[in-house]
Amino acid sequence: MFGLEKKLTLYGFNNLTKTLSFNIYDVCYAKSERAQKDYVAYIDEQYNSERLTRILCDVTEIIGAHVLNISKQDYEPQGASATLLISENDMPEEMMDQSCNHGHLASRDTVLAHLDKSHVTVHTYPEYHPDNCISTFRVDIDVATCGEISPLNALDYLIGSFDSDIITADYRVRGFTRDNHGNKLFIDHEITSIQDYIATETLQKYDAIDVNVYQSNLFHTKLLIKEIELQNYLFNTDVYELSPKERLAITDRLRREMIEIFSGTNVYK
């Protein structure tokens, strides 16, 4: 994998904005409407705003940023959101009581005074339909940074933090900065693909495709899990309770759901 170790000599602040946006989907087989509702309730509890906030705090630490402010919310009937305002620079002493253990700042006015802000956000979307035995859980994550820090460094951790069957990721570097000679720099690190920043052992679990627009510093990657171990996709059901025919039918239904989400079309309609 590529790194961001090589330092560029810049004139002033690094004005590049780097944004990583991606969706993670978890797919599950829940046969009855009751089981589907129980699955959504289970997901809602597993990935409530408290846990999402902890994940985002870890992301902030991984990319070398600092938390300025935290906002989190659970929703009815389901879903949760968390947003962290982050900075590349160290926090001043009067703000040191802000941490991922508190979730608030001593002075709201102090937050508004900061200009060097970036953010990390996550939103969850559990869903099911009574006419379909497949339930899905979608996580939308955005990590936007300014300066030298890069959201790509947290990619592996985020993939591992969720049951990731399908992943759709976009990475964009916007704006420009200048070197000491006044030359514009539109990117400050090597990248040919988002896959460059995903561990080899992780990539081996997925089929992956890229659609990149290099002249615009725009990178897009989609990943689809290769193997389906059926027991991992059954909610409150043991695989040995099912006949071989049922196992094949459920596996086929799960795979169809994944392919449709991966392709973005109702290919089996």
C-alpha atoms as a PDB file:
ATOM      1  CA  MET A   1       0.000   0.000   0.000  1.00  0.00           C
ATOM      2  CA  PHE A   2       1.058   3.566  -0.601  1.00  0.00           C
ATOM      3  CA  GLY A   3       1.627   5.900   2.315  1.00  0.00           C
ATOM      4  CA  LEU A   4       1.622   9.610   2.902  1.00  0.00           C
ATOM      5  CA  GLU A   5       5.110   9.775   4.429  1.00  0.00           C
ATOM      6  CA  LYS A   6       6.707  11.946   1.733  1.00  0.00           C
ATOM      7  CA  LYS A   7       6.468  15.574   2.822  1.00  0.00           C
ATOM      8  CA  LEU A   8       6.090  18.422   0.347  1.00  0.00           C
ATOM      9  CA  THR A   9       7.583  21.847   1.019  1.00  0.00           C
ATOM     10  CA  LEU A  10       4.634  24.200   0.811  1.00  0.00           C
ATOM     11  CA  TYR A  11       4.119  27.919   0.978  1.00  0.00           C
ATOM     12  CA  GLY A  12       1.709  28.462   3.855  1.00  0.00           C
ATOM     13  CA  PHE A  13      -1.101  26.088   4.769  1.00  0.00           C
ATOM     14  CA  ASN A  14      -1.994  22.977   2.770  1.00  0.00           C
ATOM     15  CA  ASN A  15      -5.329  24.020   1.223  1.00  0.00           C
ATOM     16  CA  LEU A  16      -6.212  20.661  -0.330  1.00  0.00           C
ATOM     17  CA  THR A  17      -9.508  19.124   0.772  1.00  0.00           C
ATOM     18  CA  LYS A  18      -9.677  15.315   0.775  1.00  0.00           C
ATOM     19  CA  THR A  19     -13.034  13.609   1.077  1.00  0.00           C
ATOM     20  CA  LEU A  20     -13.724   9.898   1.484  1.00  0.00           C
ATOM     21  CA  SER A  21     -17.399   8.955   1.137  1.00  0.00           C
ATOM     22  CA  PHE A  22     -18.637   5.410   1.162  1.00  0.00           C
ATOM     23  CA  ASN A  23     -21.529   3.097   1.796  1.00  0.00           C
ATOM     24  CA  ILE A  24     -21.271  -0.254   3.549  1.00  0.00           C
ATOM     25  CA  TYR A  25     -24.087  -2.786   3.231  1.00  0.00           C
ATOM     26  CA  ASP A  26     -24.790  -5.765   5.463  1.00  0.00           C
ATOM     27  CA  VAL A  27     -27.335  -8.283   4.121  1.00  0.00           C
ATOM     28  CA  CYS A  28     -29.295 -10.750   6.259  1.00  0.00           C
ATOM     29  CA  TYR A  29     -31.952 -13.443   5.769  1.00  0.00           C
ATOM     30  CA  ALA A  30     -34.874 -13.095   8.188  1.00  0.00           C
ATOM     31  CA  LYS A  31     -37.758 -15.306   7.146  1.00  0.00           C
ATOM     32  CA  SER A  32     -40.785 -13.817   8.925  1.00  0.00           C
ATOM     33  CA  GLU A  33     -41.865 -10.214   9.362  1.00  0.00           C
ATOM     34  CA  ARG A  34     -41.342 -10.664  13.105  1.00  0.00           C
ATOM     35  CA  ALA A  35     -37.772 -11.834  12.484  1.00  0.00           C
ATOM     36  CA  GLN A  36     -37.179  -8.876  10.171  1.00  0.00           C
ATOM     37  CA  LYS A  37     -38.341  -6.432  12.816  1.00  0.00           C
ATOM     38  CA  ASP A  38     -36.167  -8.179  15.408  1.00  0.00           C
ATOM     39  CA  TYR A  39     -33.174  -7.916  13.073  1.00  0.00           C
ATOM     40  CA  VAL A  40     -33.691  -4.183  12.626  1.00  0.00           C
ATOM     41  CA  ALA A  41     -34.030  -3.770  16.394  1.00  0.00           C
ATOM     42  CA  TYR A  42     -30.829  -5.768  16.902  1.00  0.00           C
ATOM     43  CA  ILE A  43     -28.915  -3.639  14.384  1.00  0.00           C
ATOM     44  CA  ASP A  44     -30.327  -0.481  15.896  1.00  0.00           C
ATOM     45  CA  GLU A  45     -28.980  -1.507  19.292  1.00  0.00           C
ATOM     46  CA  GLN A  46     -25.625  -2.790  17.985  1.00  0.00           C
ATOM     47  CA  TYR A  47     -24.920   0.391  16.046  1.00  0.00           C
ATOM     48  CA  ASN A  48     -26.508   3.056  18.213  1.00  0.00           C
ATOM     49  CA  SER A  49     -25.134   6.593  18.336  1.00  0.00           C
ATOM     50  CA  GLU A  50     -22.834   5.760  21.268  1.00  0.00           C
ATOM     51  CA  ARG A  51     -21.035   3.018  19.362  1.00  0.00           C
ATOM     52  CA  LEU A  52     -20.914   5.069  16.168  1.00  0.00           C
ATOM     53  CA  THR A  53     -19.317   7.900  18.121  1.00  0.00           C
ATOM     54  CA  ARG A  54     -16.642   5.553  19.474  1.00  0.00           C
ATOM     55  CA  ILE A  55     -15.887   4.381  15.925  1.00  0.00           C
ATOM     56  CA  LEU A  56     -15.558   7.954  14.687  1.00  0.00           C
ATOM     57  CA  CYS A  57     -13.301   8.833  17.615  1.00  0.00           C
ATOM     58  CA  ASP A  58     -11.044   5.936  16.604  1.00  0.00           C
ATOM     59  CA  VAL A  59     -11.064   7.177  13.000  1.00  0.00           C
ATOM     60  CA  THR A  60     -10.056  10.652  14.167  1.00  0.00           C
ATOM     61  CA  GLU A  61      -7.128   9.205  16.106  1.00  0.00           C
ATOM     62  CA  ILE A  62      -6.047   6.982  13.193  1.00  0.00           C
ATOM     63  CA  ILE A  63      -5.849   9.863  10.713  1.00  0.00           C
ATOM     64  CA  GLY A  64      -4.010  12.035  13.233  1.00  0.00           C
ATOM     65  CA  ALA A  65      -6.713  14.637  13.801  1.00  0.00           C
ATOM     66  CA  HIS A  66      -8.242  16.112  16.951  1.00  0.00           C
ATOM     67  CA  VAL A  67     -11.873  16.266  18.054  1.00  0.00           C
ATOM     68  CA  LEU A  68     -13.409  19.720  18.400  1.00  0.00           C
ATOM     69  CA  ASN A  69     -17.068  18.856  18.849  1.00  0.00           C
ATOM     70  CA  ILE A  70     -19.414  15.832  18.825  1.00  0.00           C
ATOM     71  CA  SER A  71     -23.046  15.629  17.780  1.00  0.00           C
ATOM     72  CA  LYS A  72     -24.985  12.357  17.914  1.00  0.00           C
ATOM     73  CA  GLN A  73     -28.592  11.276  17.588  1.00  0.00           C
ATOM     74  CA  ASP A  74     -30.698   8.098  17.652  1.00  0.00           C
ATOM     75  CA  TYR A  75     -33.909   8.065  15.628  1.00  0.00           C
ATOM     76  CA  GLU A  76     -37.357   6.530  15.785  1.00  0.00           C
ATOM     77  CA  PRO A  77     -38.274   4.002  14.541  1.00  0.00           C
ATOM     78  CA  GLN A  78     -34.629   3.170  13.762  1.00  0.00           C
ATOM     79  CA  GLY A  79     -31.303   4.594  12.673  1.00  0.00           C
ATOM     80  CA  ALA A  80     -28.591   6.733  14.209  1.00  0.00           C
ATOM     81  CA  SER A  81     -26.183   9.520  13.258  1.00  0.00           C
ATOM     82  CA  ALA A  82     -22.948  10.887  14.647  1.00  0.00           C
ATOM     83  CA  THR A  83     -20.852  13.846  13.514  1.00  0.00           C
ATOM     84  CA  LEU A  84     -17.425  14.890  14.752  1.00  0.00           C
ATOM     85  CA  LEU A  85     -15.904  18.257  13.995  1.00  0.00           C
ATOM     86  CA  ILE A  86     -12.150  17.705  13.753  1.00  0.00           C
ATOM     87  CA  SER A  87      -8.972  19.728  13.335  1.00  0.00           C
ATOM     88  CA  GLU A  88      -5.539  18.848  12.016  1.00  0.00           C
ATOM     89  CA  ASN A  89      -3.912  21.030  14.687  1.00  0.00           C
ATOM     90  CA  ASP A  90      -3.671  20.449  18.426  1.00  0.00           C
ATOM     91  CA  MET A  91      -6.444  21.854  20.576  1.00  0.00           C
ATOM     92  CA  PRO A  92      -5.688  24.828  22.822  1.00  0.00           C
ATOM     93  CA  GLU A  93      -5.511  24.134  26.548  1.00  0.00           C
ATOM     94  CA  GLU A  94      -8.909  25.679  27.303  1.00  0.00           C
ATOM     95  CA  MET A  95     -10.517  23.016  25.099  1.00  0.00           C
ATOM     96  CA  MET A  96      -8.675  20.006  26.477  1.00  0.00           C
ATOM     97  CA  ASP A  97     -11.707  18.898  28.510  1.00  0.00           C
ATOM     98  CA  GLN A  98     -13.350  18.015  25.210  1.00  0.00           C
ATOM     99  CA  SER A  99     -12.874  14.355  24.442  1.00  0.00           C
ATOM    100  CA  CYS A 100     -14.688  11.357  23.047  1.00  0.00           C
ATOM    101  CA  ASN A 101     -15.674  10.547  26.617  1.00  0.00           C
ATOM    102  CA  HIS A 102     -17.579  13.783  27.095  1.00  0.00           C
ATOM    103  CA  GLY A 103     -19.273  14.697  23.826  1.00  0.00           C
ATOM    104  CA  HIS A 104     -19.501  18.423  24.589  1.00  0.00           C
ATOM    105  CA  LEU A 105     -17.351  21.521  24.736  1.00  0.00           C
ATOM    106  CA  ALA A 106     -16.862  23.907  27.618  1.00  0.00           C
ATOM    107  CA  SER A 107     -17.590  26.875  25.358  1.00  0.00           C
ATOM    108  CA  ARG A 108     -19.796  26.802  22.273  1.00  0.00           C
ATOM    109  CA  ASP A 109     -18.325  30.176  21.206  1.00  0.00           C
ATOM    110  CA  THR A 110     -14.860  28.631  21.148  1.00  0.00           C
ATOM    111  CA  VAL A 111     -15.995  26.055  18.578  1.00  0.00           C
ATOM    112  CA  LEU A 112     -17.443  28.718  16.310  1.00  0.00           C
ATOM    113  CA  ALA A 113     -14.128  30.583  16.390  1.00  0.00           C
ATOM    114  CA  HIS A 114     -12.242  27.718  14.747  1.00  0.00           C
ATOM    115  CA  LEU A 115     -11.700  27.947  10.995  1.00  0.00           C
ATOM    116  CA  ASP A 116      -9.451  24.923  10.395  1.00  0.00           C
ATOM    117  CA  LYS A 117     -12.321  22.443  10.613  1.00  0.00           C
ATOM    118  CA  SER A 118     -12.944  19.101   8.959  1.00  0.00           C
ATOM    119  CA  HIS A 119     -15.542  16.513   9.839  1.00  0.00           C
ATOM    120  CA  VAL A 120     -16.367  12.841  10.149  1.00  0.00           C
ATOM    121  CA  THR A 121     -19.985  11.703   9.879  1.00  0.00           C
ATOM    122  CA  VAL A 122     -21.857   8.417   9.920  1.00  0.00           C
ATOM    123  CA  HIS A 123     -25.531   7.609   9.350  1.00  0.00           C
ATOM    124  CA  THR A 124     -27.242   4.215   9.536  1.00  0.00           C
ATOM    125  CA  TYR A 125     -30.220   2.946   7.570  1.00  0.00           C
ATOM    126  CA  PRO A 126     -31.632  -0.469   8.593  1.00  0.00           C
ATOM    127  CA  GLU A 127     -34.463  -1.566   6.305  1.00  0.00           C
ATOM    128  CA  TYR A 128     -36.693  -4.484   5.345  1.00  0.00           C
ATOM    129  CA  HIS A 129     -39.877  -5.164   3.403  1.00  0.00           C
ATOM    130  CA  PRO A 130     -42.545  -7.650   4.540  1.00  0.00           C
ATOM    131  CA  ASP A 131     -42.719  -9.180   1.038  1.00  0.00           C
ATOM    132  CA  ASN A 132     -39.010  -9.992   1.045  1.00  0.00           C
ATOM    133  CA  CYS A 133     -37.078 -12.221   3.442  1.00  0.00           C
ATOM    134  CA  ILE A 134     -33.915 -10.178   2.938  1.00  0.00           C
ATOM    135  CA  SER A 135     -33.117  -7.316   5.306  1.00  0.00           C
ATOM    136  CA  THR A 136     -30.316  -4.823   4.748  1.00  0.00           C
ATOM    137  CA  PHE A 137     -28.297  -2.480   6.913  1.00  0.00           C
ATOM    138  CA  ARG A 138     -26.614   0.471   5.205  1.00  0.00           C
ATOM    139  CA  VAL A 139     -23.963   2.711   6.737  1.00  0.00           C
ATOM    140  CA  ASP A 140     -23.045   6.015   5.078  1.00  0.00           C
ATOM    141  CA  ILE A 141     -19.699   7.440   6.155  1.00  0.00           C
ATOM    142  CA  ASP A 142     -18.008  10.703   5.167  1.00  0.00           C
ATOM    143  CA  VAL A 143     -14.520  11.697   6.267  1.00  0.00           C
ATOM    144  CA  ALA A 144     -13.481  15.147   5.058  1.00  0.00           C
ATOM    145  CA  THR A 145     -10.068  16.564   5.935  1.00  0.00           C
ATOM    146  CA  CYS A 146      -7.993  19.634   5.150  1.00  0.00           C
ATOM    147  CA  GLY A 147      -4.215  19.845   5.208  1.00  0.00           C
ATOM    148  CA  GLU A 148      -1.787  16.945   5.322  1.00  0.00           C
ATOM    149  CA  ILE A 149      -3.940  14.350   7.081  1.00  0.00           C
ATOM    150  CA  SER A 150      -5.776  11.874   4.844  1.00  0.00           C
ATOM    151  CA  PRO A 151      -9.015   9.952   5.454  1.00  0.00           C
ATOM    152  CA  LEU A 152      -7.668   7.003   3.466  1.00  0.00           C
ATOM    153  CA  ASN A 153      -5.588   5.901   6.449  1.00  0.00           C
ATOM    154  CA  ALA A 154      -8.777   4.872   8.285  1.00  0.00           C
ATOM    155  CA  LEU A 155     -10.277   2.853   5.439  1.00  0.00           C
ATOM    156  CA  ASP A 156      -9.250  -0.602   6.671  1.00  0.00           C
ATOM    157  CA  TYR A 157     -10.460   0.125  10.189  1.00  0.00           C
ATOM    158  CA  LEU A 158     -13.860   1.292   8.955  1.00  0.00           C
ATOM    159  CA  ILE A 159     -14.367  -1.759   6.739  1.00  0.00           C
ATOM    160  CA  GLY A 160     -13.530  -3.984   9.703  1.00  0.00           C
ATOM    161  CA  SER A 161     -15.869  -2.109  12.048  1.00  0.00           C
ATOM    162  CA  PHE A 162     -18.971  -3.304  10.186  1.00  0.00           C
ATOM    163  CA  ASP A 163     -20.165  -6.515   8.534  1.00  0.00           C
ATOM    164  CA  SER A 164     -19.274  -5.333   5.051  1.00  0.00           C
ATOM    165  CA  ASP A 165     -20.847  -7.357   2.241  1.00  0.00           C
ATOM    166  CA  ILE A 166     -20.880  -4.565  -0.339  1.00  0.00           C
ATOM    167  CA  ILE A 167     -18.733  -1.431  -0.221  1.00  0.00           C
ATOM    168  CA  THR A 168     -19.005   1.594  -2.502  1.00  0.00           C
ATOM    169  CA  ALA A 169     -16.275   4.174  -1.961  1.00  0.00           C
ATOM    170  CA  ASP A 170     -15.502   7.580  -3.477  1.00  0.00           C
ATOM    171  CA  TYR A 171     -12.359   9.610  -2.825  1.00  0.00           C
ATOM    172  CA  ARG A 172     -11.874  13.138  -4.120  1.00  0.00           C
ATOM    173  CA  VAL A 173      -9.076  15.653  -3.712  1.00  0.00           C
ATOM    174  CA  ARG A 174     -10.326  19.212  -4.319  1.00  0.00           C
ATOM    175  CA  GLY A 175      -8.716  22.612  -4.543  1.00  0.00           C
ATOM    176  CA  PHE A 176      -5.005  23.336  -4.760  1.00  0.00           C
ATOM    177  CA  THR A 177      -2.091  24.399  -2.611  1.00  0.00           C
ATOM    178  CA  ARG A 178       1.263  25.931  -3.576  1.00  0.00           C
ATOM    179  CA  ASP A 179       4.883  25.003  -3.190  1.00  0.00           C
ATOM    180  CA  ASN A 180       7.551  27.535  -2.182  1.00  0.00           C
ATOM    181  CA  HIS A 181       7.986  28.581  -5.822  1.00  0.00           C
ATOM    182  CA  GLY A 182       4.303  29.407  -6.205  1.00  0.00           C
ATOM    183  CA  ASN A 183       3.473  26.387  -8.357  1.00  0.00           C
ATOM    184  CA  LYS A 184      -0.002  24.942  -7.887  1.00  0.00           C
ATOM    185  CA  LEU A 185      -0.245  21.416  -6.468  1.00  0.00           C
ATOM    186  CA  PHE A 186      -3.562  19.678  -7.045  1.00  0.00           C
ATOM    187  CA  ILE A 187      -2.670  16.524  -5.094  1.00  0.00           C
ATOM    188  CA  ASP A 188      -0.011  15.859  -2.459  1.00  0.00           C
ATOM    189  CA  HIS A 189       0.235  12.059  -2.396  1.00  0.00           C
ATOM    190  CA  GLU A 190       0.492   9.079  -4.710  1.00  0.00           C
ATOM    191  CA  ILE A 191      -2.706   7.222  -5.529  1.00  0.00           C
ATOM    192  CA  THR A 192      -3.820   5.100  -8.470  1.00  0.00           C
ATOM    193  CA  SER A 193      -6.801   3.475  -6.744  1.00  0.00           C
ATOM    194  CA  ILE A 194      -8.646   3.426  -3.429  1.00  0.00           C
ATOM    195  CA  GLN A 195      -7.622  -0.238  -3.334  1.00  0.00           C
ATOM    196  CA  ASP A 196      -4.041   0.916  -2.734  1.00  0.00           C
ATOM    197  CA  TYR A 197      -5.125   1.790   0.809  1.00  0.00           C
ATOM    198  CA  ILE A 198      -6.948  -1.454   1.610  1.00  0.00           C
ATOM    199  CA  ALA A 199      -4.974  -4.307   3.149  1.00  0.00           C
ATOM    200  CA  THR A 200      -4.252  -7.261   0.859  1.00  0.00           C
ATOM    201  CA  GLU A 201      -5.956  -9.731   3.215  1.00  0.00           C
ATOM    202  CA  THR A 202      -9.081  -7.576   3.108  1.00  0.00           C
ATOM    203  CA  LEU A 203      -9.079  -7.261  -0.677  1.00  0.00           C
ATOM    204  CA  GLN A 204      -8.775 -11.023  -1.075  1.00  0.00           C
ATOM    205  CA  LYS A 205     -12.285 -11.387   0.383  1.00  0.00           C
ATOM    206  CA  TYR A 206     -13.868  -9.210  -2.319  1.00  0.00           C
ATOM    207  CA  ASP A 207     -14.362  -8.798  -6.025  1.00  0.00           C
ATOM    208  CA  ALA A 208     -13.470  -5.185  -6.759  1.00  0.00           C
ATOM    209  CA  ILE A 209     -13.817  -2.776  -9.676  1.00  0.00           C
ATOM    210  CA  ASP A 210     -12.561   0.779 -10.168  1.00  0.00           C
ATOM    211  CA  VAL A 211     -13.927   3.738 -12.093  1.00  0.00           C
ATOM    212  CA  ASN A 212     -11.357   6.522 -11.766  1.00  0.00           C
ATOM    213  CA  VAL A 213     -11.092   9.989 -13.332  1.00  0.00           C
ATOM    214  CA  TYR A 214      -7.426  10.714 -12.783  1.00  0.00           C
ATOM    215  CA  GLN A 215      -7.394  14.180 -14.367  1.00  0.00           C
ATOM    216  CA  SER A 216     -10.021  15.247 -11.800  1.00  0.00           C
ATOM    217  CA  ASN A 217      -8.401  13.428  -8.842  1.00  0.00           C
ATOM    218  CA  LEU A 218     -11.630  11.437  -8.486  1.00  0.00           C
ATOM    219  CA  PHE A 219     -11.472   7.764  -7.492  1.00  0.00           C
ATOM    220  CA  HIS A 220     -14.326   5.248  -7.225  1.00  0.00           C
ATOM    221  CA  THR A 221     -14.167   1.632  -6.030  1.00  0.00           C
ATOM    222  CA  LYS A 222     -16.860  -0.993  -5.505  1.00  0.00           C
ATOM    223  CA  LEU A 223     -16.334  -4.261  -3.620  1.00  0.00           C
ATOM    224  CA  LEU A 224     -18.545  -7.343  -3.401  1.00  0.00           C
ATOM    225  CA  ILE A 225     -17.942 -10.154  -0.911  1.00  0.00           C
ATOM    226  CA  LYS A 226     -16.835 -13.348  -2.652  1.00  0.00           C
ATOM    227  CA  GLU A 227     -17.918 -16.102  -0.284  1.00  0.00           C
ATOM    228  CA  ILE A 228     -21.237 -16.503   1.516  1.00  0.00           C
ATOM    229  CA  GLU A 229     -21.037 -18.608   4.667  1.00  0.00           C
ATOM    230  CA  LEU A 230     -24.758 -19.084   5.102  1.00  0.00           C
ATOM    231  CA  GLN A 231     -24.838 -19.309   8.898  1.00  0.00           C
ATOM    232  CA  ASN A 232     -23.427 -15.783   9.115  1.00  0.00           C
ATOM    233  CA  TYR A 233     -26.441 -14.478   7.179  1.00  0.00           C
ATOM    234  CA  LEU A 234     -29.233 -16.247   9.053  1.00  0.00           C
ATOM    235  CA  PHE A 235     -30.947 -14.257  11.798  1.00  0.00           C
ATOM    236  CA  ASN A 236     -32.174 -16.438  14.693  1.00  0.00           C
ATOM    237  CA  THR A 237     -31.977 -19.541  12.507  1.00  0.00           C
ATOM    238  CA  ASP A 238     -29.502 -22.417  12.551  1.00  0.00           C
ATOM    239  CA  VAL A 239     -28.323 -23.565   9.151  1.00  0.00           C
ATOM    240  CA  TYR A 240     -28.856 -27.202  10.196  1.00  0.00           C
ATOM    241  CA  GLU A 241     -32.572 -26.527  10.623  1.00  0.00           C
ATOM    242  CA  LEU A 242     -32.777 -26.045   6.860  1.00  0.00           C
ATOM    243  CA  SER A 243     -32.863 -28.653   4.151  1.00  0.00           C
ATOM    244  CA  PRO A 244     -30.142 -28.628   1.460  1.00  0.00           C
ATOM    245  CA  LYS A 245     -32.704 -27.274  -0.992  1.00  0.00           C
ATOM    246  CA  GLU A 246     -33.619 -24.415   1.340  1.00  0.00           C
ATOM    247  CA  ARG A 247     -29.965 -23.583   1.906  1.00  0.00           C
ATOM    248  CA  LEU A 248     -29.343 -23.296  -1.815  1.00  0.00           C
ATOM    249  CA  ALA A 249     -32.448 -21.166  -2.338  1.00  0.00           C
ATOM    250  CA  ILE A 250     -31.547 -18.778   0.491  1.00  0.00           C
ATOM    251  CA  THR A 251     -27.938 -18.501  -0.650  1.00  0.00           C
ATOM    252  CA  ASP A 252     -29.155 -17.694  -4.160  1.00  0.00           C
ATOM    253  CA  ARG A 253     -31.524 -15.040  -2.818  1.00  0.00           C
ATOM    254  CA  LEU A 254     -28.764 -13.446  -0.742  1.00  0.00           C
ATOM    255  CA  ARG A 255     -26.400 -13.403  -3.709  1.00  0.00           C
ATOM    256  CA  ARG A 256     -29.042 -11.826  -5.916  1.00  0.00           C
ATOM    257  CA  GLU A 257     -29.638  -9.090  -3.379  1.00  0.00           C
ATOM    258  CA  MET A 258     -25.923  -8.372  -3.142  1.00  0.00           C
ATOM    259  CA  ILE A 259     -25.452  -8.263  -6.917  1.00  0.00           C
ATOM    260  CA  GLU A 260     -28.344  -5.828  -7.311  1.00  0.00           C
ATOM    261  CA  ILE A 261     -26.932  -3.503  -4.639  1.00  0.00           C
ATOM    262  CA  PHE A 262     -23.434  -3.824  -6.115  1.00  0.00           C
ATOM    263  CA  SER A 263     -24.600  -3.082  -9.659  1.00  0.00           C
ATOM    264  CA  GLY A 264     -27.188  -0.475  -8.686  1.00  0.00           C
ATOM    265  CA  THR A 265     -29.866  -2.095 -10.856  1.00  0.00           C
ATOM    266  CA  ASN A 266     -32.730  -4.573 -10.433  1.00  0.00           C
ATOM    267  CA  VAL A 267     -30.964  -7.178 -12.536  1.00  0.00           C
ATOM    268  CA  TYR A 268     -33.334  -9.959 -11.464  1.00  0.00           C
ATOM    269  CA  LYS A 269     -36.582  -8.020 -11.863  1.00  0.00           C
END
